[in-house]
PDB file of N, CA and C in Angstrom:
ATOM      1  N   MET A   1     133.041 -82.527 -13.119  1.00  0.00           N
ATOM      2  CA  MET A   1     132.873 -83.913 -12.704  1.00  0.00           C
ATOM      3  C   MET A   1     133.163 -84.823 -13.886  1.00  0.00           C
ATOM      4  N   ASN A   2     133.623 -85.991 -13.597  1.00  0.00           N
ATOM      5  CA  ASN A   2     133.976 -86.970 -14.605  1.00  0.00           C
ATOM      6  C   ASN A   2     132.748 -87.347 -15.437  1.00  0.00           C
ATOM      7  N   LEU A   3     132.853 -87.224 -16.748  1.00  0.00           N
ATOM      8  CA  LEU A   3     131.735 -87.491 -17.652  1.00  0.00           C
ATOM      9  C   LEU A   3     131.254 -88.945 -17.558  1.00  0.00           C
ATOM     10  N   GLN A   4     132.165 -89.888 -17.395  1.00  0.00           N
ATOM     11  CA  GLN A   4     131.769 -91.294 -17.283  1.00  0.00           C
ATOM     12  C   GLN A   4     130.916 -91.518 -16.029  1.00  0.00           C
ATOM     13  N   VAL A   5     131.269 -90.839 -14.944  1.00  0.00           N
ATOM     14  CA  VAL A   5     130.499 -90.970 -13.708  1.00  0.00           C
ATOM     15  C   VAL A   5     129.101 -90.405 -13.912  1.00  0.00           C
ATOM     16  N   ILE A   6     128.999 -89.268 -14.557  1.00  0.00           N
ATOM     17  CA  ILE A   6     127.694 -88.661 -14.817  1.00  0.00           C
ATOM     18  C   ILE A   6     126.849 -89.588 -15.687  1.00  0.00           C
ATOM     19  N   ARG A   7     127.430 -90.163 -16.714  1.00  0.00           N
ATOM     20  CA  ARG A   7     126.695 -91.099 -17.571  1.00  0.00           C
ATOM     21  C   ARG A   7     126.197 -92.295 -16.767  1.00  0.00           C
ATOM     22  N   TRP A   8     127.052 -92.816 -15.892  1.00  0.00           N
ATOM     23  CA  TRP A   8     126.669 -93.952 -15.075  1.00  0.00           C
ATOM     24  C   TRP A   8     125.506 -93.575 -14.159  1.00  0.00           C
ATOM     25  N   LEU A   9     125.578 -92.403 -13.552  1.00  0.00           N
ATOM     26  CA  LEU A   9     124.505 -91.960 -12.656  1.00  0.00           C
ATOM     27  C   LEU A   9     123.184 -91.787 -13.401  1.00  0.00           C
ATOM     28  N   VAL A  10     123.232 -91.239 -14.612  1.00  0.00           N
ATOM     29  CA  VAL A  10     122.020 -91.072 -15.408  1.00  0.00           C
ATOM     30  C   VAL A  10     121.447 -92.447 -15.777  1.00  0.00           C
ATOM     31  N   LYS A  11     122.326 -93.355 -16.151  1.00  0.00           N
ATOM     32  CA  LYS A  11     121.897 -94.706 -16.520  1.00  0.00           C
ATOM     33  C   LYS A  11     121.219 -95.419 -15.350  1.00  0.00           C
ATOM     34  N   HIS A  12     121.671 -95.129 -14.145  1.00  0.00           N
ATOM     35  CA  HIS A  12     121.161 -95.784 -12.934  1.00  0.00           C
ATOM     36  C   HIS A  12     120.462 -94.772 -12.027  1.00  0.00           C
ATOM     37  N   ARG A  13     119.642 -93.917 -12.602  1.00  0.00           N
ATOM     38  CA  ARG A  13     119.018 -92.841 -11.824  1.00  0.00           C
ATOM     39  C   ARG A  13     118.099 -93.351 -10.728  1.00  0.00           C
ATOM     40  N   GLN A  14     117.460 -94.508 -10.910  1.00  0.00           N
ATOM     41  CA  GLN A  14     116.603 -95.040  -9.841  1.00  0.00           C
ATOM     42  C   GLN A  14     117.437 -95.416  -8.619  1.00  0.00           C
ATOM     43  N   THR A  15     118.599 -95.994  -8.862  1.00  0.00           N
ATOM     44  CA  THR A  15     119.499 -96.315  -7.754  1.00  0.00           C
ATOM     45  C   THR A  15     119.955 -95.047  -7.060  1.00  0.00           C
ATOM     46  N   LEU A  16     120.259 -94.030  -7.842  1.00  0.00           N
ATOM     47  CA  LEU A  16     120.655 -92.748  -7.263  1.00  0.00           C
ATOM     48  C   LEU A  16     119.533 -92.184  -6.398  1.00  0.00           C
ATOM     49  N   THR A  17     118.303 -92.270  -6.879  1.00  0.00           N
ATOM     50  CA  THR A  17     117.153 -91.799  -6.110  1.00  0.00           C
ATOM     51  C   THR A  17     117.018 -92.598  -4.820  1.00  0.00           C
ATOM     52  N   ASN A  18     117.172 -93.914  -4.914  1.00  0.00           N
ATOM     53  CA  ASN A  18     117.105 -94.763  -3.719  1.00  0.00           C
ATOM     54  C   ASN A  18     118.181 -94.359  -2.707  1.00  0.00           C
ATOM     55  N   CYS A  19     119.377 -94.107  -3.192  1.00  0.00           N
ATOM     56  CA  CYS A  19     120.483 -93.710  -2.307  1.00  0.00           C
ATOM     57  C   CYS A  19     120.206 -92.368  -1.646  1.00  0.00           C
ATOM     58  N   MET A  20     119.619 -91.457  -2.385  1.00  0.00           N
ATOM     59  CA  MET A  20     119.296 -90.147  -1.801  1.00  0.00           C
ATOM     60  C   MET A  20     118.280 -90.310  -0.665  1.00  0.00           C
ATOM     61  N   GLU A  21     117.337 -91.223  -0.819  1.00  0.00           N
ATOM     62  CA  GLU A  21     116.369 -91.488   0.249  1.00  0.00           C
ATOM     63  C   GLU A  21     117.059 -92.094   1.469  1.00  0.00           C
ATOM     64  N   ILE A  22     117.984 -93.002   1.231  1.00  0.00           N
ATOM     65  CA  ILE A  22     118.716 -93.637   2.328  1.00  0.00           C
ATOM     66  C   ILE A  22     119.553 -92.599   3.074  1.00  0.00           C
ATOM     67  N   ILE A  23     120.202 -91.723   2.327  1.00  0.00           N
ATOM     68  CA  ILE A  23     121.109 -90.736   2.921  1.00  0.00           C
ATOM     69  C   ILE A  23     120.376 -89.754   3.826  1.00  0.00           C
ATOM     70  N   LYS A  24     119.098 -89.572   3.593  1.00  0.00           N
ATOM     71  CA  LYS A  24     118.316 -88.671   4.460  1.00  0.00           C
ATOM     72  C   LYS A  24     118.356 -89.122   5.919  1.00  0.00           C
ATOM     73  N   ASP A  25     118.603 -90.406   6.154  1.00  0.00           N
ATOM     74  CA  ASP A  25     118.671 -90.938   7.514  1.00  0.00           C
ATOM     75  C   ASP A  25     120.027 -90.699   8.180  1.00  0.00           C
ATOM     76  N   PHE A  26     120.995 -90.171   7.428  1.00  0.00           N
ATOM     77  CA  PHE A  26     122.338 -89.969   7.980  1.00  0.00           C
ATOM     78  C   PHE A  26     122.356 -88.751   8.899  1.00  0.00           C
ATOM     79  N   ASP A  27     122.805 -88.963  10.133  1.00  0.00           N
ATOM     80  CA  ASP A  27     122.966 -87.887  11.105  1.00  0.00           C
ATOM     81  C   ASP A  27     124.402 -87.940  11.611  1.00  0.00           C
ATOM     82  N   PRO A  28     125.197 -86.909  11.313  1.00  0.00           N
ATOM     83  CA  PRO A  28     126.609 -86.951  11.726  1.00  0.00           C
ATOM     84  C   PRO A  28     126.792 -87.012  13.244  1.00  0.00           C
ATOM     85  N   ASN A  29     125.750 -86.707  13.995  1.00  0.00           N
ATOM     86  CA  ASN A  29     125.852 -86.747  15.458  1.00  0.00           C
ATOM     87  C   ASN A  29     125.339 -88.053  16.051  1.00  0.00           C
ATOM     88  N   SER A  30     124.886 -88.957  15.211  1.00  0.00           N
ATOM     89  CA  SER A  30     124.378 -90.236  15.714  1.00  0.00           C
ATOM     90  C   SER A  30     125.550 -91.165  16.034  1.00  0.00           C
ATOM     91  N   PRO A  31     125.279 -92.236  16.760  1.00  0.00           N
ATOM     92  CA  PRO A  31     126.352 -93.194  17.061  1.00  0.00           C
ATOM     93  C   PRO A  31     126.957 -93.770  15.781  1.00  0.00           C
ATOM     94  N   LEU A  32     128.186 -94.189  15.880  1.00  0.00           N
ATOM     95  CA  LEU A  32     128.916 -94.717  14.728  1.00  0.00           C
ATOM     96  C   LEU A  32     128.169 -95.860  14.043  1.00  0.00           C
ATOM     97  N   ILE A  33     127.574 -96.753  14.806  1.00  0.00           N
ATOM     98  CA  ILE A  33     126.877 -97.896  14.209  1.00  0.00           C
ATOM     99  C   ILE A  33     125.702 -97.436  13.344  1.00  0.00           C
ATOM    100  N   ASP A  34     125.013 -96.392  13.744  1.00  0.00           N
ATOM    101  CA  ASP A  34     123.897 -95.870  12.955  1.00  0.00           C
ATOM    102  C   ASP A  34     124.393 -95.245  11.658  1.00  0.00           C
ATOM    103  N   ARG A  35     125.492 -94.508  11.738  1.00  0.00           N
ATOM    104  CA  ARG A  35     126.073 -93.914  10.535  1.00  0.00           C
ATOM    105  C   ARG A  35     126.578 -95.007   9.600  1.00  0.00           C
ATOM    106  N   TRP A  36     127.199 -96.029  10.173  1.00  0.00           N
ATOM    107  CA  TRP A  36     127.713 -97.129   9.363  1.00  0.00           C
ATOM    108  C   TRP A  36     126.577 -97.871   8.668  1.00  0.00           C
ATOM    109  N   ASN A  37     125.437 -98.017   9.320  1.00  0.00           N
ATOM    110  CA  ASN A  37     124.292 -98.691   8.710  1.00  0.00           C
ATOM    111  C   ASN A  37     123.801 -97.942   7.474  1.00  0.00           C
ATOM    112  N   VAL A  38     123.838 -96.630   7.503  1.00  0.00           N
ATOM    113  CA  VAL A  38     123.447 -95.846   6.331  1.00  0.00           C
ATOM    114  C   VAL A  38     124.443 -96.089   5.198  1.00  0.00           C
ATOM    115  N   VAL A  39     125.710 -96.064   5.506  1.00  0.00           N
ATOM    116  CA  VAL A  39     126.745 -96.325   4.495  1.00  0.00           C
ATOM    117  C   VAL A  39     126.569 -97.726   3.914  1.00  0.00           C
ATOM    118  N   ASP A  40     126.277 -98.703   4.768  1.00  0.00           N
ATOM    119  CA  ASP A  40     126.076-100.076   4.320  1.00  0.00           C
ATOM    120  C   ASP A  40     124.887-100.180   3.365  1.00  0.00           C
ATOM    121  N   LYS A  41     123.792 -99.500   3.677  1.00  0.00           N
ATOM    122  CA  LYS A  41     122.609 -99.531   2.809  1.00  0.00           C
ATOM    123  C   LYS A  41     122.912 -98.941   1.431  1.00  0.00           C
ATOM    124  N   VAL A  42     123.668 -97.848   1.406  1.00  0.00           N
ATOM    125  CA  VAL A  42     124.038 -97.232   0.128  1.00  0.00           C
ATOM    126  C   VAL A  42     124.930 -98.190  -0.663  1.00  0.00           C
ATOM    127  N   ALA A  43     125.896 -98.793   0.000  1.00  0.00           N
ATOM    128  CA  ALA A  43     126.796 -99.732  -0.671  1.00  0.00           C
ATOM    129  C   ALA A  43     126.019-100.917  -1.246  1.00  0.00           C
ATOM    130  N   ARG A  44     125.024-101.388  -0.532  1.00  0.00           N
ATOM    131  CA  ARG A  44     124.217-102.521  -1.015  1.00  0.00           C
ATOM    132  C   ARG A  44     123.397-102.147  -2.248  1.00  0.00           C
ATOM    133  N   GLU A  45     123.109-100.874  -2.425  1.00  0.00           N
ATOM    134  CA  GLU A  45     122.411-100.410  -3.627  1.00  0.00           C
ATOM    135  C   GLU A  45     123.374-100.326  -4.817  1.00  0.00           C
ATOM    136  N   ILE A  46     124.579 -99.822  -4.557  1.00  0.00           N
ATOM    137  CA  ILE A  46     125.503 -99.483  -5.645  1.00  0.00           C
ATOM    138  C   ILE A  46     126.389-100.639  -6.081  1.00  0.00           C
ATOM    139  N   ILE A  47     126.944-101.373  -5.155  1.00  0.00           N
ATOM    140  CA  ILE A  47     127.941-102.389  -5.492  1.00  0.00           C
ATOM    141  C   ILE A  47     127.441-103.422  -6.501  1.00  0.00           C
ATOM    142  N   PRO A  48     126.209-103.918  -6.385  1.00  0.00           N
ATOM    143  CA  PRO A  48     125.771-104.898  -7.384  1.00  0.00           C
ATOM    144  C   PRO A  48     125.730-104.358  -8.815  1.00  0.00           C
ATOM    145  N   LEU A  49     125.655-103.045  -8.967  1.00  0.00           N
ATOM    146  CA  LEU A  49     125.585-102.452 -10.298  1.00  0.00           C
ATOM    147  C   LEU A  49     126.948-102.241 -10.936  1.00  0.00           C
ATOM    148  N   LEU A  50     127.981-102.294 -10.146  1.00  0.00           N
ATOM    149  CA  LEU A  50     129.316-101.989 -10.654  1.00  0.00           C
ATOM    150  C   LEU A  50     129.964-103.223 -11.262  1.00  0.00           C
ATOM    151  N   SER A  51     130.159-103.187 -12.541  1.00  0.00           N
ATOM    152  CA  SER A  51     130.952-104.233 -13.177  1.00  0.00           C
ATOM    153  C   SER A  51     132.385-103.738 -13.220  1.00  0.00           C
ATOM    154  N   SER A  52     133.298-104.615 -13.395  1.00  0.00           N
ATOM    155  CA  SER A  52     134.701-104.199 -13.437  1.00  0.00           C
ATOM    156  C   SER A  52     134.949-103.252 -14.609  1.00  0.00           C
ATOM    157  N   ASP A  53     134.201-103.417 -15.707  1.00  0.00           N
ATOM    158  CA  ASP A  53     134.358-102.519 -16.851  1.00  0.00           C
ATOM    159  C   ASP A  53     133.924-101.096 -16.497  1.00  0.00           C
ATOM    160  N   ASP A  54     132.806-100.976 -15.760  1.00  0.00           N
ATOM    161  CA  ASP A  54     132.335 -99.658 -15.344  1.00  0.00           C
ATOM    162  C   ASP A  54     133.374 -98.959 -14.481  1.00  0.00           C
ATOM    163  N   VAL A  55     133.899 -99.692 -13.520  1.00  0.00           N
ATOM    164  CA  VAL A  55     134.879 -99.118 -12.602  1.00  0.00           C
ATOM    165  C   VAL A  55     136.141 -98.723 -13.357  1.00  0.00           C
ATOM    166  N   ALA A  56     136.606 -99.582 -14.239  1.00  0.00           N
ATOM    167  CA  ALA A  56     137.818 -99.287 -15.000  1.00  0.00           C
ATOM    168  C   ALA A  56     137.613 -98.055 -15.885  1.00  0.00           C
ATOM    169  N   GLU A  57     136.453 -97.969 -16.535  1.00  0.00           N
ATOM    170  CA  GLU A  57     136.178 -96.839 -17.408  1.00  0.00           C
ATOM    171  C   GLU A  57     136.119 -95.533 -16.609  1.00  0.00           C
ATOM    172  N   MET A  58     135.444 -95.550 -15.469  1.00  0.00           N
ATOM    173  CA  MET A  58     135.351 -94.342 -14.645  1.00  0.00           C
ATOM    174  C   MET A  58     136.715 -93.982 -14.072  1.00  0.00           C
ATOM    175  N   GLY A  59     137.470 -94.991 -13.646  1.00  0.00           N
ATOM    176  CA  GLY A  59     138.779 -94.735 -13.054  1.00  0.00           C
ATOM    177  C   GLY A  59     139.757 -94.144 -14.046  1.00  0.00           C
ATOM    178  N   VAL A  60     139.785 -94.670 -15.259  1.00  0.00           N
ATOM    179  CA  VAL A  60     140.689 -94.166 -16.273  1.00  0.00           C
ATOM    180  C   VAL A  60     140.344 -92.715 -16.593  1.00  0.00           C
ATOM    181  N   GLY A  61     139.072 -92.428 -16.755  1.00  0.00           N
ATOM    182  CA  GLY A  61     138.654 -91.054 -17.030  1.00  0.00           C
ATOM    183  C   GLY A  61     139.022 -90.119 -15.899  1.00  0.00           C
ATOM    184  N   PHE A  62     138.863 -90.597 -14.668  1.00  0.00           N
ATOM    185  CA  PHE A  62     139.197 -89.774 -13.511  1.00  0.00           C
ATOM    186  C   PHE A  62     140.686 -89.464 -13.481  1.00  0.00           C
ATOM    187  N   LEU A  63     141.493 -90.478 -13.744  1.00  0.00           N
ATOM    188  CA  LEU A  63     142.941 -90.265 -13.722  1.00  0.00           C
ATOM    189  C   LEU A  63     143.383 -89.351 -14.859  1.00  0.00           C
ATOM    190  N   GLU A  64     142.762 -89.461 -16.029  1.00  0.00           N
ATOM    191  CA  GLU A  64     143.115 -88.598 -17.149  1.00  0.00           C
ATOM    192  C   GLU A  64     142.817 -87.133 -16.841  1.00  0.00           C
ATOM    193  N   ASP A  65     141.737 -86.887 -16.115  1.00  0.00           N
ATOM    194  CA  ASP A  65     141.352 -85.515 -15.767  1.00  0.00           C
ATOM    195  C   ASP A  65     142.379 -84.848 -14.853  1.00  0.00           C
ATOM    196  N   TYR A  66     143.111 -85.653 -14.070  1.00  0.00           N
ATOM    197  CA  TYR A  66     144.000 -85.087 -13.073  1.00  0.00           C
ATOM    198  C   TYR A  66     145.465 -85.416 -13.313  1.00  0.00           C
ATOM    199  N   ASP A  67     145.808 -85.699 -14.559  1.00  0.00           N
ATOM    200  CA  ASP A  67     147.211 -85.928 -14.889  1.00  0.00           C
ATOM    201  C   ASP A  67     147.999 -84.645 -14.680  1.00  0.00           C
ATOM    202  N   GLU A  68     149.214 -84.796 -14.178  1.00  0.00           N
ATOM    203  CA  GLU A  68     150.057 -83.610 -13.959  1.00  0.00           C
ATOM    204  C   GLU A  68     150.868 -83.305 -15.181  1.00  0.00           C
TER     205      GLU A  68
END
């Protein structure tokens, strides 16, 4: 796994814990709107934490790992 992503997750472990609690409500057999609501809740936890620098740093590392 990308080291930058792991560092970010450790830095924001409470958010990760919150997301894990939210994900427990996900049922792949539930109606689409219910599944979408779980995805929306997770996004509302994570998106405010992402600065453009974080995304750029994680993205660059990810691309470097998979260069051909």
